[in-house]
Amino acid sequence: MDSHNQEFIQLIDQALNIAEQLGASPQGEGNSNAEGLKKLIPILQTLKSQVLEDSLEASTQNSTLGLSRGVADWITPLDSPLLSAVGAIEAHYQINA
């Protein structure tokens, strides 16, 4: 695996870790982010599999994965580390994929 893919996997793992921590927070199912997290975690896991299998479609000039926009629709607060983490994934995808 090349260094770009290794870095990509690390960014995805970081976002997964943050998402799982948010999901395990004391608020549990009452957490306002819970529904979004239930959708995001499988998306991140699929993305990781695609990178590992080298089957992720290459980025074109302006294409994104849609993660930042999707998370920004439901995450509170907007300065959440999760939004920063998915933003880093998006930036890496646009530059290196």
PDB file of N, CA and C in Angstrom:
ATOM      1  N   MET A   1       0.859  -1.171   0.000  1.00  0.00           N
ATOM      2  CA  MET A   1       0.000   0.000   0.000  1.00  0.00           C
ATOM      3  C   MET A   1       0.908   1.238   0.000  1.00  0.00           C
ATOM      4  N   ASP A   2       0.582   2.186  -0.862  1.00  0.00           N
ATOM      5  CA  ASP A   2       1.410   3.387  -0.938  1.00  0.00           C
ATOM      6  C   ASP A   2       1.119   4.330   0.235  1.00  0.00           C
ATOM      7  N   SER A   3       1.978   5.328   0.384  1.00  0.00           N
ATOM      8  CA  SER A   3       1.872   6.224   1.545  1.00  0.00           C
ATOM      9  C   SER A   3       0.586   7.055   1.524  1.00  0.00           C
ATOM     10  N   HIS A   4       0.095   7.389   0.324  1.00  0.00           N
ATOM     11  CA  HIS A   4      -1.155   8.153   0.248  1.00  0.00           C
ATOM     12  C   HIS A   4      -2.324   7.332   0.778  1.00  0.00           C
ATOM     13  N   ASN A   5      -2.366   6.065   0.414  1.00  0.00           N
ATOM     14  CA  ASN A   5      -3.444   5.204   0.905  1.00  0.00           C
ATOM     15  C   ASN A   5      -3.307   4.951   2.399  1.00  0.00           C
ATOM     16  N   GLN A   6      -2.083   4.818   2.885  1.00  0.00           N
ATOM     17  CA  GLN A   6      -1.880   4.635   4.325  1.00  0.00           C
ATOM     18  C   GLN A   6      -2.383   5.854   5.093  1.00  0.00           C
ATOM     19  N   GLU A   7      -2.072   7.032   4.591  1.00  0.00           N
ATOM     20  CA  GLU A   7      -2.542   8.256   5.233  1.00  0.00           C
ATOM     21  C   GLU A   7      -4.067   8.337   5.168  1.00  0.00           C
ATOM     22  N   PHE A   8      -4.632   7.947   4.033  1.00  0.00           N
ATOM     23  CA  PHE A   8      -6.087   7.959   3.855  1.00  0.00           C
ATOM     24  C   PHE A   8      -6.755   7.030   4.872  1.00  0.00           C
ATOM     25  N   ILE A   9      -6.205   5.845   5.042  1.00  0.00           N
ATOM     26  CA  ILE A   9      -6.732   4.878   6.011  1.00  0.00           C
ATOM     27  C   ILE A   9      -6.645   5.452   7.427  1.00  0.00           C
ATOM     28  N   GLN A  10      -5.546   6.110   7.742  1.00  0.00           N
ATOM     29  CA  GLN A  10      -5.403   6.708   9.074  1.00  0.00           C
ATOM     30  C   GLN A  10      -6.466   7.779   9.314  1.00  0.00           C
ATOM     31  N   LEU A  11      -6.731   8.597   8.303  1.00  0.00           N
ATOM     32  CA  LEU A  11      -7.757   9.635   8.434  1.00  0.00           C
ATOM     33  C   LEU A  11      -9.146   9.008   8.624  1.00  0.00           C
ATOM     34  N   ILE A  12      -9.426   7.956   7.883  1.00  0.00           N
ATOM     35  CA  ILE A  12     -10.717   7.271   8.014  1.00  0.00           C
ATOM     36  C   ILE A  12     -10.831   6.635   9.399  1.00  0.00           C
ATOM     37  N   ASP A  13      -9.766   5.982   9.845  1.00  0.00           N
ATOM     38  CA  ASP A  13      -9.775   5.366  11.182  1.00  0.00           C
ATOM     39  C   ASP A  13      -9.985   6.413  12.270  1.00  0.00           C
ATOM     40  N   GLN A  14      -9.368   7.570  12.102  1.00  0.00           N
ATOM     41  CA  GLN A  14      -9.546   8.650  13.075  1.00  0.00           C
ATOM     42  C   GLN A  14     -11.011   9.090  13.122  1.00  0.00           C
ATOM     43  N   ALA A  15     -11.627   9.265  11.959  1.00  0.00           N
ATOM     44  CA  ALA A  15     -13.036   9.661  11.911  1.00  0.00           C
ATOM     45  C   ALA A  15     -13.925   8.568  12.508  1.00  0.00           C
ATOM     46  N   LEU A  16     -13.619   7.314  12.200  1.00  0.00           N
ATOM     47  CA  LEU A  16     -14.387   6.204  12.778  1.00  0.00           C
ATOM     48  C   LEU A  16     -14.276   6.196  14.300  1.00  0.00           C
ATOM     49  N   ASN A  17     -13.093   6.414  14.807  1.00  0.00           N
ATOM     50  CA  ASN A  17     -12.873   6.432  16.246  1.00  0.00           C
ATOM     51  C   ASN A  17     -13.698   7.539  16.903  1.00  0.00           C
ATOM     52  N   ILE A  18     -13.662   8.731  16.315  1.00  0.00           N
ATOM     53  CA  ILE A  18     -14.434   9.852  16.862  1.00  0.00           C
ATOM     54  C   ILE A  18     -15.925   9.545  16.808  1.00  0.00           C
ATOM     55  N   ALA A  19     -16.381   9.017  15.681  1.00  0.00           N
ATOM     56  CA  ALA A  19     -17.808   8.699  15.525  1.00  0.00           C
ATOM     57  C   ALA A  19     -18.246   7.653  16.539  1.00  0.00           C
ATOM     58  N   GLU A  20     -17.426   6.640  16.743  1.00  0.00           N
ATOM     59  CA  GLU A  20     -17.772   5.593  17.707  1.00  0.00           C
ATOM     60  C   GLU A  20     -17.781   6.139  19.133  1.00  0.00           C
ATOM     61  N   GLN A  21     -16.858   7.039  19.445  1.00  0.00           N
ATOM     62  CA  GLN A  21     -16.847   7.662  20.772  1.00  0.00           C
ATOM     63  C   GLN A  21     -18.096   8.512  20.981  1.00  0.00           C
ATOM     64  N   LEU A  22     -18.484   9.267  19.954  1.00  0.00           N
ATOM     65  CA  LEU A  22     -19.702  10.076  20.064  1.00  0.00           C
ATOM     66  C   LEU A  22     -20.928   9.187  20.255  1.00  0.00           C
ATOM     67  N   GLY A  23     -20.952   8.068  19.550  1.00  0.00           N
ATOM     68  CA  GLY A  23     -22.081   7.140  19.668  1.00  0.00           C
ATOM     69  C   GLY A  23     -22.159   6.474  21.028  1.00  0.00           C
ATOM     70  N   ALA A  24     -21.018   6.351  21.686  1.00  0.00           N
ATOM     71  CA  ALA A  24     -20.976   5.708  22.999  1.00  0.00           C
ATOM     72  C   ALA A  24     -21.071   6.720  24.135  1.00  0.00           C
ATOM     73  N   SER A  25     -21.342   7.970  23.806  1.00  0.00           N
ATOM     74  CA  SER A  25     -21.421   9.011  24.828  1.00  0.00           C
ATOM     75  C   SER A  25     -22.571   8.735  25.790  1.00  0.00           C
ATOM     76  N   PRO A  26     -22.551   9.329  26.967  1.00  0.00           N
ATOM     77  CA  PRO A  26     -23.579   9.066  27.977  1.00  0.00           C
ATOM     78  C   PRO A  26     -25.011   9.329  27.508  1.00  0.00           C
ATOM     79  N   GLN A  27     -25.186  10.202  26.530  1.00  0.00           N
ATOM     80  CA  GLN A  27     -26.542  10.470  26.054  1.00  0.00           C
ATOM     81  C   GLN A  27     -27.126   9.279  25.314  1.00  0.00           C
ATOM     82  N   GLY A  28     -26.240   8.414  24.774  1.00  0.00           N
ATOM     83  CA  GLY A  28     -26.700   7.218  24.077  1.00  0.00           C
ATOM     84  C   GLY A  28     -27.646   7.539  22.945  1.00  0.00           C
ATOM     85  N   GLU A  29     -28.772   6.847  22.910  1.00  0.00           N
ATOM     86  CA  GLU A  29     -29.745   7.029  21.838  1.00  0.00           C
ATOM     87  C   GLU A  29     -30.392   8.402  21.883  1.00  0.00           C
ATOM     88  N   GLY A  30     -30.346   9.042  23.019  1.00  0.00           N
ATOM     89  CA  GLY A  30     -30.918  10.374  23.119  1.00  0.00           C
ATOM     90  C   GLY A  30     -30.029  11.452  22.510  1.00  0.00           C
ATOM     91  N   ASN A  31     -28.832  11.086  22.141  1.00  0.00           N
ATOM     92  CA  ASN A  31     -27.895  12.015  21.530  1.00  0.00           C
ATOM     93  C   ASN A  31     -28.475  12.513  20.210  1.00  0.00           C
ATOM     94  N   SER A  32     -28.464  13.834  20.008  1.00  0.00           N
ATOM     95  CA  SER A  32     -29.035  14.401  18.785  1.00  0.00           C
ATOM     96  C   SER A  32     -28.261  13.984  17.548  1.00  0.00           C
ATOM     97  N   ASN A  33     -27.052  13.497  17.711  1.00  0.00           N
ATOM     98  CA  ASN A  33     -26.235  13.053  16.587  1.00  0.00           C
ATOM     99  C   ASN A  33     -26.375  11.558  16.305  1.00  0.00           C
ATOM    100  N   ALA A  34     -27.116  10.846  17.122  1.00  0.00           N
ATOM    101  CA  ALA A  34     -27.165   9.385  17.048  1.00  0.00           C
ATOM    102  C   ALA A  34     -27.603   8.861  15.692  1.00  0.00           C
ATOM    103  N   GLU A  35     -28.636   9.415  15.116  1.00  0.00           N
ATOM    104  CA  GLU A  35     -29.139   8.924  13.825  1.00  0.00           C
ATOM    105  C   GLU A  35     -28.108   9.137  12.726  1.00  0.00           C
ATOM    106  N   GLY A  36     -27.482  10.295  12.712  1.00  0.00           N
ATOM    107  CA  GLY A  36     -26.446  10.564  11.724  1.00  0.00           C
ATOM    108  C   GLY A  36     -25.245   9.643  11.880  1.00  0.00           C
ATOM    109  N   LEU A  37     -24.872   9.377  13.123  1.00  0.00           N
ATOM    110  CA  LEU A  37     -23.750   8.478  13.375  1.00  0.00           C
ATOM    111  C   LEU A  37     -24.051   7.069  12.879  1.00  0.00           C
ATOM    112  N   LYS A  38     -25.287   6.617  13.048  1.00  0.00           N
ATOM    113  CA  LYS A  38     -25.673   5.278  12.582  1.00  0.00           C
ATOM    114  C   LYS A  38     -25.512   5.153  11.071  1.00  0.00           C
ATOM    115  N   LYS A  39     -25.679   6.252  10.365  1.00  0.00           N
ATOM    116  CA  LYS A  39     -25.515   6.241   8.911  1.00  0.00           C
ATOM    117  C   LYS A  39     -24.059   6.440   8.507  1.00  0.00           C
ATOM    118  N   LEU A  40     -23.340   7.285   9.243  1.00  0.00           N
ATOM    119  CA  LEU A  40     -21.972   7.629   8.876  1.00  0.00           C
ATOM    120  C   LEU A  40     -21.001   6.474   9.078  1.00  0.00           C
ATOM    121  N   ILE A  41     -21.103   5.762  10.166  1.00  0.00           N
ATOM    122  CA  ILE A  41     -20.125   4.716  10.476  1.00  0.00           C
ATOM    123  C   ILE A  41     -20.043   3.665   9.372  1.00  0.00           C
ATOM    124  N   PRO A  42     -21.148   3.124   8.877  1.00  0.00           N
ATOM    125  CA  PRO A  42     -21.036   2.157   7.769  1.00  0.00           C
ATOM    126  C   PRO A  42     -20.454   2.778   6.485  1.00  0.00           C
ATOM    127  N   ILE A  43     -20.728   4.053   6.254  1.00  0.00           N
ATOM    128  CA  ILE A  43     -20.168   4.723   5.075  1.00  0.00           C
ATOM    129  C   ILE A  43     -18.647   4.794   5.202  1.00  0.00           C
ATOM    130  N   LEU A  44     -18.167   5.159   6.375  1.00  0.00           N
ATOM    131  CA  LEU A  44     -16.722   5.224   6.590  1.00  0.00           C
ATOM    132  C   LEU A  44     -16.084   3.846   6.485  1.00  0.00           C
ATOM    133  N   GLN A  45     -16.764   2.821   6.990  1.00  0.00           N
ATOM    134  CA  GLN A  45     -16.238   1.455   6.901  1.00  0.00           C
ATOM    135  C   GLN A  45     -16.161   0.995   5.444  1.00  0.00           C
ATOM    136  N   THR A  46     -17.168   1.331   4.659  1.00  0.00           N
ATOM    137  CA  THR A  46     -17.161   0.986   3.228  1.00  0.00           C
ATOM    138  C   THR A  46     -16.052   1.737   2.512  1.00  0.00           C
ATOM    139  N   LEU A  47     -15.890   3.004   2.824  1.00  0.00           N
ATOM    140  CA  LEU A  47     -14.837   3.808   2.220  1.00  0.00           C
ATOM    141  C   LEU A  47     -13.468   3.196   2.528  1.00  0.00           C
ATOM    142  N   LYS A  48     -13.267   2.786   3.769  1.00  0.00           N
ATOM    143  CA  LYS A  48     -12.002   2.163   4.155  1.00  0.00           C
ATOM    144  C   LYS A  48     -11.767   0.887   3.346  1.00  0.00           C
ATOM    145  N   SER A  49     -12.789   0.076   3.194  1.00  0.00           N
ATOM    146  CA  SER A  49     -12.663  -1.150   2.400  1.00  0.00           C
ATOM    147  C   SER A  49     -12.295  -0.839   0.957  1.00  0.00           C
ATOM    148  N   GLN A  50     -12.920   0.188   0.396  1.00  0.00           N
ATOM    149  CA  GLN A  50     -12.616   0.567  -0.985  1.00  0.00           C
ATOM    150  C   GLN A  50     -11.165   1.015  -1.131  1.00  0.00           C
ATOM    151  N   VAL A  51     -10.663   1.749  -0.164  1.00  0.00           N
ATOM    152  CA  VAL A  51      -9.260   2.187  -0.218  1.00  0.00           C
ATOM    153  C   VAL A  51      -8.345   0.976  -0.098  1.00  0.00           C
ATOM    154  N   LEU A  52      -8.648   0.076   0.834  1.00  0.00           N
ATOM    155  CA  LEU A  52      -7.822  -1.122   1.014  1.00  0.00           C
ATOM    156  C   LEU A  52      -7.817  -2.000  -0.236  1.00  0.00           C
ATOM    157  N   GLU A  53      -8.957  -2.076  -0.911  1.00  0.00           N
ATOM    158  CA  GLU A  53      -9.076  -2.898  -2.119  1.00  0.00           C
ATOM    159  C   GLU A  53      -8.652  -2.141  -3.376  1.00  0.00           C
ATOM    160  N   ASP A  54      -8.273  -0.879  -3.205  1.00  0.00           N
ATOM    161  CA  ASP A  54      -7.892  -0.010  -4.317  1.00  0.00           C
ATOM    162  C   ASP A  54      -9.003   0.070  -5.367  1.00  0.00           C
ATOM    163  N   SER A  55     -10.246   0.169  -4.864  1.00  0.00           N
ATOM    164  CA  SER A  55     -11.393   0.226  -5.771  1.00  0.00           C
ATOM    165  C   SER A  55     -12.160   1.545  -5.673  1.00  0.00           C
ATOM    166  N   LEU A  56     -11.605   2.515  -4.964  1.00  0.00           N
ATOM    167  CA  LEU A  56     -12.255   3.813  -4.828  1.00  0.00           C
ATOM    168  C   LEU A  56     -12.082   4.589  -6.124  1.00  0.00           C
ATOM    169  N   GLU A  57     -13.181   5.127  -6.612  1.00  0.00           N
ATOM    170  CA  GLU A  57     -13.128   5.914  -7.836  1.00  0.00           C
ATOM    171  C   GLU A  57     -12.245   7.135  -7.629  1.00  0.00           C
ATOM    172  N   ALA A  58     -11.418   7.415  -8.614  1.00  0.00           N
ATOM    173  CA  ALA A  58     -10.508   8.562  -8.522  1.00  0.00           C
ATOM    174  C   ALA A  58     -11.294   9.868  -8.501  1.00  0.00           C
ATOM    175  N   SER A  59     -10.743  10.822  -7.800  1.00  0.00           N
ATOM    176  CA  SER A  59     -11.354  12.142  -7.711  1.00  0.00           C
ATOM    177  C   SER A  59     -11.127  12.899  -9.013  1.00  0.00           C
ATOM    178  N   THR A  60     -12.148  13.595  -9.449  1.00  0.00           N
ATOM    179  CA  THR A  60     -11.970  14.529 -10.550  1.00  0.00           C
ATOM    180  C   THR A  60     -11.732  15.896  -9.934  1.00  0.00           C
ATOM    181  N   GLN A  61     -11.546  16.907 -10.732  1.00  0.00           N
ATOM    182  CA  GLN A  61     -11.177  18.220 -10.213  1.00  0.00           C
ATOM    183  C   GLN A  61     -12.021  18.688  -9.045  1.00  0.00           C
ATOM    184  N   ASN A  62     -13.315  18.623  -9.158  1.00  0.00           N
ATOM    185  CA  ASN A  62     -14.190  19.194  -8.129  1.00  0.00           C
ATOM    186  C   ASN A  62     -15.024  18.153  -7.388  1.00  0.00           C
ATOM    187  N   SER A  63     -14.737  16.879  -7.583  1.00  0.00           N
ATOM    188  CA  SER A  63     -15.565  15.873  -6.932  1.00  0.00           C
ATOM    189  C   SER A  63     -15.180  15.714  -5.465  1.00  0.00           C
ATOM    190  N   THR A  64     -16.179  15.397  -4.659  1.00  0.00           N
ATOM    191  CA  THR A  64     -15.972  15.133  -3.238  1.00  0.00           C
ATOM    192  C   THR A  64     -16.670  13.827  -2.897  1.00  0.00           C
ATOM    193  N   LEU A  65     -16.495  13.397  -1.696  1.00  0.00           N
ATOM    194  CA  LEU A  65     -17.186  12.207  -1.213  1.00  0.00           C
ATOM    195  C   LEU A  65     -18.535  12.564  -0.599  1.00  0.00           C
ATOM    196  N   GLY A  66     -18.758  13.831  -0.336  1.00  0.00           N
ATOM    197  CA  GLY A  66     -20.006  14.291   0.259  1.00  0.00           C
ATOM    198  C   GLY A  66     -20.082  14.111   1.760  1.00  0.00           C
ATOM    199  N   LEU A  67     -18.982  13.713   2.371  1.00  0.00           N
ATOM    200  CA  LEU A  67     -18.992  13.460   3.816  1.00  0.00           C
ATOM    201  C   LEU A  67     -19.184  14.733   4.625  1.00  0.00           C
ATOM    202  N   SER A  68     -18.413  15.757   4.308  1.00  0.00           N
ATOM    203  CA  SER A  68     -18.491  16.999   5.090  1.00  0.00           C
ATOM    204  C   SER A  68     -19.875  17.608   5.030  1.00  0.00           C
ATOM    205  N   ARG A  69     -20.411  17.675   3.846  1.00  0.00           N
ATOM    206  CA  ARG A  69     -21.752  18.264   3.699  1.00  0.00           C
ATOM    207  C   ARG A  69     -22.787  17.425   4.441  1.00  0.00           C
ATOM    208  N   GLY A  70     -22.687  16.123   4.305  1.00  0.00           N
ATOM    209  CA  GLY A  70     -23.632  15.243   4.984  1.00  0.00           C
ATOM    210  C   GLY A  70     -23.563  15.364   6.490  1.00  0.00           C
ATOM    211  N   VAL A  71     -22.358  15.375   7.032  1.00  0.00           N
ATOM    212  CA  VAL A  71     -22.189  15.476   8.483  1.00  0.00           C
ATOM    213  C   VAL A  71     -22.612  16.855   8.969  1.00  0.00           C
ATOM    214  N   ALA A  72     -22.294  17.890   8.219  1.00  0.00           N
ATOM    215  CA  ALA A  72     -22.660  19.258   8.620  1.00  0.00           C
ATOM    216  C   ALA A  72     -24.174  19.426   8.724  1.00  0.00           C
ATOM    217  N   ASP A  73     -24.936  18.591   8.021  1.00  0.00           N
ATOM    218  CA  ASP A  73     -26.396  18.673   8.070  1.00  0.00           C
ATOM    219  C   ASP A  73     -26.973  18.260   9.428  1.00  0.00           C
ATOM    220  N   TRP A  74     -26.236  17.417  10.174  1.00  0.00           N
ATOM    221  CA  TRP A  74     -26.818  16.921  11.420  1.00  0.00           C
ATOM    222  C   TRP A  74     -25.931  17.099  12.659  1.00  0.00           C
ATOM    223  N   ILE A  75     -24.651  17.335  12.487  1.00  0.00           N
ATOM    224  CA  ILE A  75     -23.766  17.370  13.662  1.00  0.00           C
ATOM    225  C   ILE A  75     -24.004  18.627  14.504  1.00  0.00           C
ATOM    226  N   THR A  76     -23.980  18.448  15.789  1.00  0.00           N
ATOM    227  CA  THR A  76     -23.989  19.573  16.718  1.00  0.00           C
ATOM    228  C   THR A  76     -22.953  19.274  17.789  1.00  0.00           C
ATOM    229  N   PRO A  77     -22.139  20.207  18.113  1.00  0.00           N
ATOM    230  CA  PRO A  77     -21.982  21.540  17.533  1.00  0.00           C
ATOM    231  C   PRO A  77     -21.199  21.465  16.226  1.00  0.00           C
ATOM    232  N   LEU A  78     -21.240  22.539  15.458  1.00  0.00           N
ATOM    233  CA  LEU A  78     -20.566  22.558  14.166  1.00  0.00           C
ATOM    234  C   LEU A  78     -19.043  22.568  14.279  1.00  0.00           C
ATOM    235  N   ASP A  79     -18.512  22.854  15.441  1.00  0.00           N
ATOM    236  CA  ASP A  79     -17.060  22.783  15.619  1.00  0.00           C
ATOM    237  C   ASP A  79     -16.629  21.411  16.152  1.00  0.00           C
ATOM    238  N   SER A  80     -17.449  20.410  15.904  1.00  0.00           N
ATOM    239  CA  SER A  80     -17.183  19.048  16.347  1.00  0.00           C
ATOM    240  C   SER A  80     -15.901  18.495  15.712  1.00  0.00           C
ATOM    241  N   PRO A  81     -15.120  17.748  16.474  1.00  0.00           N
ATOM    242  CA  PRO A  81     -13.935  17.099  15.907  1.00  0.00           C
ATOM    243  C   PRO A  81     -14.292  16.147  14.762  1.00  0.00           C
ATOM    244  N   LEU A  82     -15.496  15.602  14.785  1.00  0.00           N
ATOM    245  CA  LEU A  82     -15.914  14.701  13.714  1.00  0.00           C
ATOM    246  C   LEU A  82     -16.009  15.440  12.386  1.00  0.00           C
ATOM    247  N   LEU A  83     -16.543  16.636  12.397  1.00  0.00           N
ATOM    248  CA  LEU A  83     -16.648  17.414  11.163  1.00  0.00           C
ATOM    249  C   LEU A  83     -15.245  17.747  10.639  1.00  0.00           C
ATOM    250  N   SER A  84     -14.335  18.048  11.526  1.00  0.00           N
ATOM    251  CA  SER A  84     -12.948  18.292  11.117  1.00  0.00           C
ATOM    252  C   SER A  84     -12.322  17.032  10.528  1.00  0.00           C
ATOM    253  N   ALA A  85     -12.607  15.895  11.135  1.00  0.00           N
ATOM    254  CA  ALA A  85     -12.032  14.627  10.667  1.00  0.00           C
ATOM    255  C   ALA A  85     -12.545  14.260   9.275  1.00  0.00           C
ATOM    256  N   VAL A  86     -13.848  14.415   9.041  1.00  0.00           N
ATOM    257  CA  VAL A  86     -14.355  14.087   7.706  1.00  0.00           C
ATOM    258  C   VAL A  86     -13.893  15.135   6.691  1.00  0.00           C
ATOM    259  N   GLY A  87     -13.674  16.358   7.137  1.00  0.00           N
ATOM    260  CA  GLY A  87     -13.114  17.387   6.262  1.00  0.00           C
ATOM    261  C   GLY A  87     -11.709  17.012   5.810  1.00  0.00           C
ATOM    262  N   ALA A  88     -10.932  16.439   6.709  1.00  0.00           N
ATOM    263  CA  ALA A  88      -9.578  15.991   6.358  1.00  0.00           C
ATOM    264  C   ALA A  88      -9.630  14.842   5.355  1.00  0.00           C
ATOM    265  N   ILE A  89     -10.611  13.959   5.501  1.00  0.00           N
ATOM    266  CA  ILE A  89     -10.788  12.866   4.538  1.00  0.00           C
ATOM    267  C   ILE A  89     -11.103  13.441   3.165  1.00  0.00           C
ATOM    268  N   GLU A  90     -12.020  14.395   3.131  1.00  0.00           N
ATOM    269  CA  GLU A  90     -12.409  15.036   1.864  1.00  0.00           C
ATOM    270  C   GLU A  90     -11.208  15.711   1.199  1.00  0.00           C
ATOM    271  N   ALA A  91     -10.425  16.444   1.979  1.00  0.00           N
ATOM    272  CA  ALA A  91      -9.266  17.151   1.434  1.00  0.00           C
ATOM    273  C   ALA A  91      -8.257  16.160   0.858  1.00  0.00           C
ATOM    274  N   HIS A  92      -8.023  15.085   1.578  1.00  0.00           N
ATOM    275  CA  HIS A  92      -7.076  14.066   1.102  1.00  0.00           C
ATOM    276  C   HIS A  92      -7.591  13.438  -0.187  1.00  0.00           C
ATOM    277  N   TYR A  93      -8.860  13.141  -0.232  1.00  0.00           N
ATOM    278  CA  TYR A  93      -9.449  12.533  -1.437  1.00  0.00           C
ATOM    279  C   TYR A  93      -9.279  13.451  -2.642  1.00  0.00           C
ATOM    280  N   GLN A  94      -9.571  14.725  -2.482  1.00  0.00           N
ATOM    281  CA  GLN A  94      -9.489  15.655  -3.593  1.00  0.00           C
ATOM    282  C   GLN A  94      -8.063  15.834  -4.095  1.00  0.00           C
ATOM    283  N   ILE A  95      -7.101  15.765  -3.206  1.00  0.00           N
ATOM    284  CA  ILE A  95      -5.715  15.998  -3.594  1.00  0.00           C
ATOM    285  C   ILE A  95      -5.026  14.719  -4.089  1.00  0.00           C
ATOM    286  N   ASN A  96      -5.316  13.597  -3.450  1.00  0.00           N
ATOM    287  CA  ASN A  96      -4.525  12.390  -3.703  1.00  0.00           C
ATOM    288  C   ASN A  96      -5.237  11.242  -4.390  1.00  0.00           C
ATOM    289  N   ALA A  97      -6.538  11.275  -4.493  1.00  0.00           N
ATOM    290  CA  ALA A  97      -7.233  10.121  -5.081  1.00  0.00           C
ATOM    291  C   ALA A  97      -7.448  10.309  -6.565  1.00  0.00           C
TER     292      ALA A  97
END
